[in-house]
C-alpha atoms as a PDB file:
ATOM      1  CA  MET A   1     -74.256 -75.971-122.823  1.00  0.00           C
ATOM      2  CA  ALA A   2     -77.878 -74.873-122.318  1.00  0.00           C
ATOM      3  CA  HIS A   3     -77.413 -72.286-125.059  1.00  0.00           C
ATOM      4  CA  LYS A   4     -76.383 -75.010-127.525  1.00  0.00           C
ATOM      5  CA  LEU A   5     -79.376 -77.168-126.569  1.00  0.00           C
ATOM      6  CA  VAL A   6     -81.770 -74.258-127.153  1.00  0.00           C
ATOM      7  CA  LEU A   7     -80.199 -73.546-130.560  1.00  0.00           C
ATOM      8  CA  ALA A   8     -80.434 -77.228-131.484  1.00  0.00           C
ATOM      9  CA  ALA A   9     -84.080 -77.380-130.400  1.00  0.00           C
ATOM     10  CA  VAL A  10     -84.895 -74.250-132.430  1.00  0.00           C
ATOM     11  CA  ALA A  11     -83.144 -75.717-135.477  1.00  0.00           C
ATOM     12  CA  VAL A  12     -85.061 -79.002-135.165  1.00  0.00           C
ATOM     13  CA  LEU A  13     -88.348 -77.130-134.721  1.00  0.00           C
ATOM     14  CA  MET A  14     -87.664 -74.938-137.777  1.00  0.00           C
ATOM     15  CA  LEU A  15     -86.796 -77.996-139.845  1.00  0.00           C
ATOM     16  CA  TRP A  16     -89.927 -79.831-138.679  1.00  0.00           C
ATOM     17  CA  CYS A  17     -92.182 -76.819-139.352  1.00  0.00           C
ATOM     18  CA  GLY A  18     -90.651 -76.328-142.766  1.00  0.00           C
ATOM     19  CA  THR A  19     -91.292 -79.904-143.839  1.00  0.00           C
ATOM     20  CA  ALA A  20     -94.741 -80.344-142.301  1.00  0.00           C
ATOM     21  CA  GLU A  21     -97.495 -80.150-144.883  1.00  0.00           C
ATOM     22  CA  ALA A  22    -100.214 -77.674-144.069  1.00  0.00           C
ATOM     23  CA  ALA A  23    -103.762 -78.733-144.807  1.00  0.00           C
ATOM     24  CA  PRO A  24    -105.034 -76.932-147.910  1.00  0.00           C
ATOM     25  CA  LEU A  25    -107.513 -74.141-147.290  1.00  0.00           C
ATOM     26  CA  PRO A  26    -111.093 -74.770-148.384  1.00  0.00           C
ATOM     27  CA  LYS A  27    -112.258 -73.213-151.623  1.00  0.00           C
ATOM     28  CA  LEU A  28    -115.475 -71.327-152.224  1.00  0.00           C
ATOM     29  CA  PRO A  29    -117.908 -71.840-155.108  1.00  0.00           C
ATOM     30  CA  THR A  30    -117.968 -68.689-157.227  1.00  0.00           C
ATOM     31  CA  GLY A  31    -121.261 -69.454-158.971  1.00  0.00           C
ATOM     32  CA  TYR A  32    -119.564 -69.036-162.335  1.00  0.00           C
ATOM     33  CA  ALA A  33    -118.946 -71.744-164.922  1.00  0.00           C
ATOM     34  CA  ALA A  34    -116.093 -74.242-164.635  1.00  0.00           C
ATOM     35  CA  PRO A  35    -113.089 -74.250-164.566  1.00  0.00           C
ATOM     36  CA  VAL A  36    -113.073 -71.172-162.260  1.00  0.00           C
ATOM     37  CA  ASN A  37    -116.013 -72.440-160.232  1.00  0.00           C
ATOM     38  CA  LEU A  38    -113.985 -72.906-157.018  1.00  0.00           C
ATOM     39  CA  ALA A  39    -111.525 -70.356-155.648  1.00  0.00           C
ATOM     40  CA  ILE A  40    -109.759 -69.144-152.536  1.00  0.00           C
ATOM     41  CA  ARG A  41    -110.622 -65.475-151.899  1.00  0.00           C
ATOM     42  CA  PRO A  42    -112.701 -64.985-155.074  1.00  0.00           C
ATOM     43  CA  SER A  43    -113.175 -61.380-156.167  1.00  0.00           C
ATOM     44  CA  ARG A  44    -116.854 -61.946-157.023  1.00  0.00           C
ATOM     45  CA  ILE A  45    -119.497 -64.563-156.223  1.00  0.00           C
ATOM     46  CA  LEU A  46    -122.649 -65.052-158.272  1.00  0.00           C
ATOM     47  CA  ILE A  47    -125.280 -65.939-155.647  1.00  0.00           C
ATOM     48  CA  THR A  48    -128.392 -66.268-157.812  1.00  0.00           C
ATOM     49  CA  GLY A  49    -129.024 -68.695-160.634  1.00  0.00           C
ATOM     50  CA  ASP A  50    -130.691 -66.030-162.775  1.00  0.00           C
ATOM     51  CA  GLY A  51    -127.818 -63.557-162.388  1.00  0.00           C
ATOM     52  CA  SER A  52    -129.895 -61.030-160.438  1.00  0.00           C
ATOM     53  CA  GLY A  53    -127.562 -60.898-157.417  1.00  0.00           C
ATOM     54  CA  LEU A  54    -123.844 -61.076-156.862  1.00  0.00           C
ATOM     55  CA  LEU A  55    -121.222 -60.202-154.305  1.00  0.00           C
ATOM     56  CA  GLY A  56    -118.400 -57.855-155.230  1.00  0.00           C
ATOM     57  CA  GLY A  57    -117.118 -54.532-154.004  1.00  0.00           C
ATOM     58  CA  PHE A  58    -117.728 -50.842-154.289  1.00  0.00           C
ATOM     59  CA  THR A  59    -116.410 -49.111-157.389  1.00  0.00           C
ATOM     60  CA  GLY A  60    -117.494 -45.527-156.850  1.00  0.00           C
ATOM     61  CA  HIS A  61    -120.348 -46.021-159.316  1.00  0.00           C
ATOM     62  CA  PRO A  62    -123.893 -45.954-157.914  1.00  0.00           C
ATOM     63  CA  THR A  63    -125.161 -48.585-160.370  1.00  0.00           C
ATOM     64  CA  ALA A  64    -124.029 -51.293-162.774  1.00  0.00           C
ATOM     65  CA  THR A  65    -125.580 -53.332-165.564  1.00  0.00           C
ATOM     66  CA  LYS A  66    -124.760 -56.710-167.057  1.00  0.00           C
ATOM     67  CA  ARG A  67    -123.228 -54.770-169.926  1.00  0.00           C
ATOM     68  CA  ASN A  68    -120.852 -52.484-167.961  1.00  0.00           C
ATOM     69  CA  GLN A  69    -120.175 -54.943-165.081  1.00  0.00           C
ATOM     70  CA  ARG A  70    -118.713 -52.529-162.527  1.00  0.00           C
ATOM     71  CA  TRP A  71    -118.912 -55.021-159.678  1.00  0.00           C
ATOM     72  CA  GLY A  72    -115.680 -54.310-157.823  1.00  0.00           C
ATOM     73  CA  ARG A  73    -113.949 -56.890-155.639  1.00  0.00           C
ATOM     74  CA  LEU A  74    -114.722 -58.506-152.300  1.00  0.00           C
ATOM     75  CA  HIS A  75    -112.209 -57.696-149.559  1.00  0.00           C
ATOM     76  CA  TRP A  76    -111.344 -60.907-147.687  1.00  0.00           C
ATOM     77  CA  THR A  77    -110.216 -60.086-144.148  1.00  0.00           C
ATOM     78  CA  LYS A  78    -109.623 -63.690-142.974  1.00  0.00           C
ATOM     79  CA  TRP A  79    -109.471 -67.059-144.709  1.00  0.00           C
ATOM     80  CA  LEU A  80    -109.195 -69.875-142.185  1.00  0.00           C
ATOM     81  CA  PRO A  81    -109.726 -73.661-142.428  1.00  0.00           C
ATOM     82  CA  GLY A  82    -113.221 -73.372-140.889  1.00  0.00           C
ATOM     83  CA  ARG A  83    -114.423 -69.865-141.797  1.00  0.00           C
ATOM     84  CA  ALA A  84    -113.722 -66.975-144.130  1.00  0.00           C
ATOM     85  CA  TYR A  85    -114.808 -63.352-143.753  1.00  0.00           C
ATOM     86  CA  ALA A  86    -115.212 -60.615-146.359  1.00  0.00           C
ATOM     87  CA  THR A  87    -116.680 -57.156-146.758  1.00  0.00           C
ATOM     88  CA  GLY A  88    -117.949 -55.558-149.903  1.00  0.00           C
ATOM     89  CA  ALA A  89    -121.213 -55.016-151.693  1.00  0.00           C
ATOM     90  CA  GLU A  90    -124.189 -57.138-152.619  1.00  0.00           C
ATOM     91  CA  TRP A  91    -125.252 -56.006-156.076  1.00  0.00           C
ATOM     92  CA  ILE A  92    -128.977 -56.573-156.604  1.00  0.00           C
ATOM     93  CA  ASP A  93    -130.798 -56.203-159.925  1.00  0.00           C
ATOM     94  CA  ASP A  94    -133.883 -54.003-159.639  1.00  0.00           C
ATOM     95  CA  GLY A  95    -135.563 -56.000-162.440  1.00  0.00           C
ATOM     96  CA  ILE A  96    -136.675 -52.871-164.307  1.00  0.00           C
ATOM     97  CA  PRO A  97    -137.766 -53.427-167.025  1.00  0.00           C
ATOM     98  CA  ASP A  98    -136.743 -57.078-166.489  1.00  0.00           C
ATOM     99  CA  VAL A  99    -133.949 -59.152-164.922  1.00  0.00           C
ATOM    100  CA  ALA A 100    -132.070 -59.396-168.223  1.00  0.00           C
ATOM    101  CA  THR A 101    -131.776 -55.624-168.683  1.00  0.00           C
ATOM    102  CA  GLY A 102    -132.242 -54.268-165.159  1.00  0.00           C
ATOM    103  CA  THR A 103    -129.891 -52.035-163.201  1.00  0.00           C
ATOM    104  CA  PHE A 104    -127.827 -53.335-160.278  1.00  0.00           C
ATOM    105  CA  HIS A 105    -127.549 -51.335-157.055  1.00  0.00           C
ATOM    106  CA  PRO A 106    -124.834 -51.977-154.422  1.00  0.00           C
ATOM    107  CA  TYR A 107    -125.625 -52.490-150.739  1.00  0.00           C
ATOM    108  CA  THR A 108    -122.972 -52.661-148.008  1.00  0.00           C
ATOM    109  CA  ALA A 109    -122.415 -56.324-147.169  1.00  0.00           C
ATOM    110  CA  ALA A 110    -120.545 -58.590-144.752  1.00  0.00           C
ATOM    111  CA  VAL A 111    -119.898 -62.165-145.889  1.00  0.00           C
ATOM    112  CA  LEU A 112    -119.212 -65.306-143.871  1.00  0.00           C
ATOM    113  CA  ALA A 113    -118.264 -68.577-145.592  1.00  0.00           C
ATOM    114  CA  PHE A 114    -118.463 -71.652-143.357  1.00  0.00           C
ATOM    115  CA  ARG A 115    -119.186 -75.400-143.077  1.00  0.00           C
ATOM    116  CA  PRO A 116    -116.301 -76.795-145.141  1.00  0.00           C
ATOM    117  CA  ARG A 117    -116.878 -80.272-146.553  1.00  0.00           C
ATOM    118  CA  ALA A 118    -114.274 -82.084-148.677  1.00  0.00           C
ATOM    119  CA  GLY A 119    -112.289 -78.870-149.160  1.00  0.00           C
ATOM    120  CA  VAL A 120    -115.250 -76.667-150.126  1.00  0.00           C
ATOM    121  CA  PHE A 121    -117.151 -74.108-148.041  1.00  0.00           C
ATOM    122  CA  THR A 122    -120.790 -75.171-148.350  1.00  0.00           C
ATOM    123  CA  ARG A 123    -122.556 -72.273-146.609  1.00  0.00           C
ATOM    124  CA  LEU A 124    -122.497 -68.551-147.248  1.00  0.00           C
ATOM    125  CA  ARG A 125    -124.162 -66.019-144.949  1.00  0.00           C
ATOM    126  CA  VAL A 126    -124.566 -62.467-146.220  1.00  0.00           C
ATOM    127  CA  VAL A 127    -125.734 -59.517-144.158  1.00  0.00           C
ATOM    128  CA  TYR A 128    -126.427 -56.442-146.248  1.00  0.00           C
ATOM    129  CA  ILE A 129    -127.853 -53.039-145.395  1.00  0.00           C
ATOM    130  CA  VAL A 130    -130.768 -51.506-147.298  1.00  0.00           C
ATOM    131  CA  PRO A 131    -130.889 -47.773-146.506  1.00  0.00           C
ATOM    132  CA  GLY A 132    -134.129 -46.138-145.476  1.00  0.00           C
ATOM    133  CA  SER A 133    -136.658 -46.353-142.689  1.00  0.00           C
ATOM    134  CA  GLY A 134    -139.617 -48.276-144.115  1.00  0.00           C
ATOM    135  CA  PRO A 135    -140.409 -51.973-144.521  1.00  0.00           C
ATOM    136  CA  GLY A 136    -137.629 -53.936-146.223  1.00  0.00           C
ATOM    137  CA  THR A 137    -134.923 -51.547-145.042  1.00  0.00           C
ATOM    138  CA  GLY A 138    -132.137 -52.021-142.522  1.00  0.00           C
ATOM    139  CA  ALA A 139    -130.045 -55.163-142.059  1.00  0.00           C
ATOM    140  CA  GLN A 140    -131.085 -58.120-144.220  1.00  0.00           C
ATOM    141  CA  THR A 141    -129.624 -61.623-143.805  1.00  0.00           C
ATOM    142  CA  GLU A 142    -129.443 -64.361-146.413  1.00  0.00           C
ATOM    143  CA  THR A 143    -127.926 -67.833-146.073  1.00  0.00           C
ATOM    144  CA  PHE A 144    -127.012 -69.799-149.164  1.00  0.00           C
ATOM    145  CA  LYS A 145    -126.215 -73.497-149.524  1.00  0.00           C
ATOM    146  CA  ALA A 146    -123.638 -74.712-152.042  1.00  0.00           C
ATOM    147  CA  GLU A 147    -124.822 -77.615-154.158  1.00  0.00           C
ATOM    148  CA  HIS A 148    -122.699 -79.747-156.420  1.00  0.00           C
ATOM    149  CA  VAL A 149    -124.258 -80.295-159.836  1.00  0.00           C
ATOM    150  CA  PRO A 150    -122.826 -83.441-161.450  1.00  0.00           C
ATOM    151  CA  ALA A 151    -121.629 -83.569-165.035  1.00  0.00           C
ATOM    152  CA  SER A 152    -124.255 -84.455-167.597  1.00  0.00           C
ATOM    153  CA  GLN A 153    -124.814 -84.464-171.329  1.00  0.00           C
ATOM    154  CA  TYR A 154    -125.315 -80.690-171.016  1.00  0.00           C
ATOM    155  CA  GLY A 155    -121.912 -79.867-169.515  1.00  0.00           C
ATOM    156  CA  PRO A 156    -119.243 -80.452-166.858  1.00  0.00           C
ATOM    157  CA  ALA A 157    -119.849 -80.667-163.112  1.00  0.00           C
ATOM    158  CA  TYR A 158    -119.975 -77.411-161.165  1.00  0.00           C
ATOM    159  CA  TRP A 159    -120.988 -75.860-157.843  1.00  0.00           C
ATOM    160  CA  ASP A 160    -123.909 -73.476-157.475  1.00  0.00           C
ATOM    161  CA  TRP A 161    -125.527 -71.469-154.653  1.00  0.00           C
ATOM    162  CA  ARG A 162    -129.162 -72.142-153.670  1.00  0.00           C
END
């Protein structure tokens, strides 16, 4: 009799779990133009308005340019309702001769997305490592805030990192 009760309880639990709706996971602003401006586990995130910095992965190439775009992909290790974690590379433009035609260099990076609001992660913390032993080297931390830009006469609404 107890065996039948356990089986019945398991069946009811499986049925209940199968029909319960899970809350959708928050999305992350990618920094790119709509309609792909929000994504779960994006492969790349543009973190600067001028295009001089982005998050991606390592490709085996020591540099990239806006023309060859060898950014690689972020590796998301966890994506939870309150936080998401990734590893990869922060690609930073050296600005030589200028930001439009500079060369990007990858730095090992850890990424934390947090503070979900209305289904969107609104904070991004990046810790990246600059090799060397002088000033400006070692672990560097940046925190970005997602801002919603409403639609206007110039285009549709989108999210951007500041």
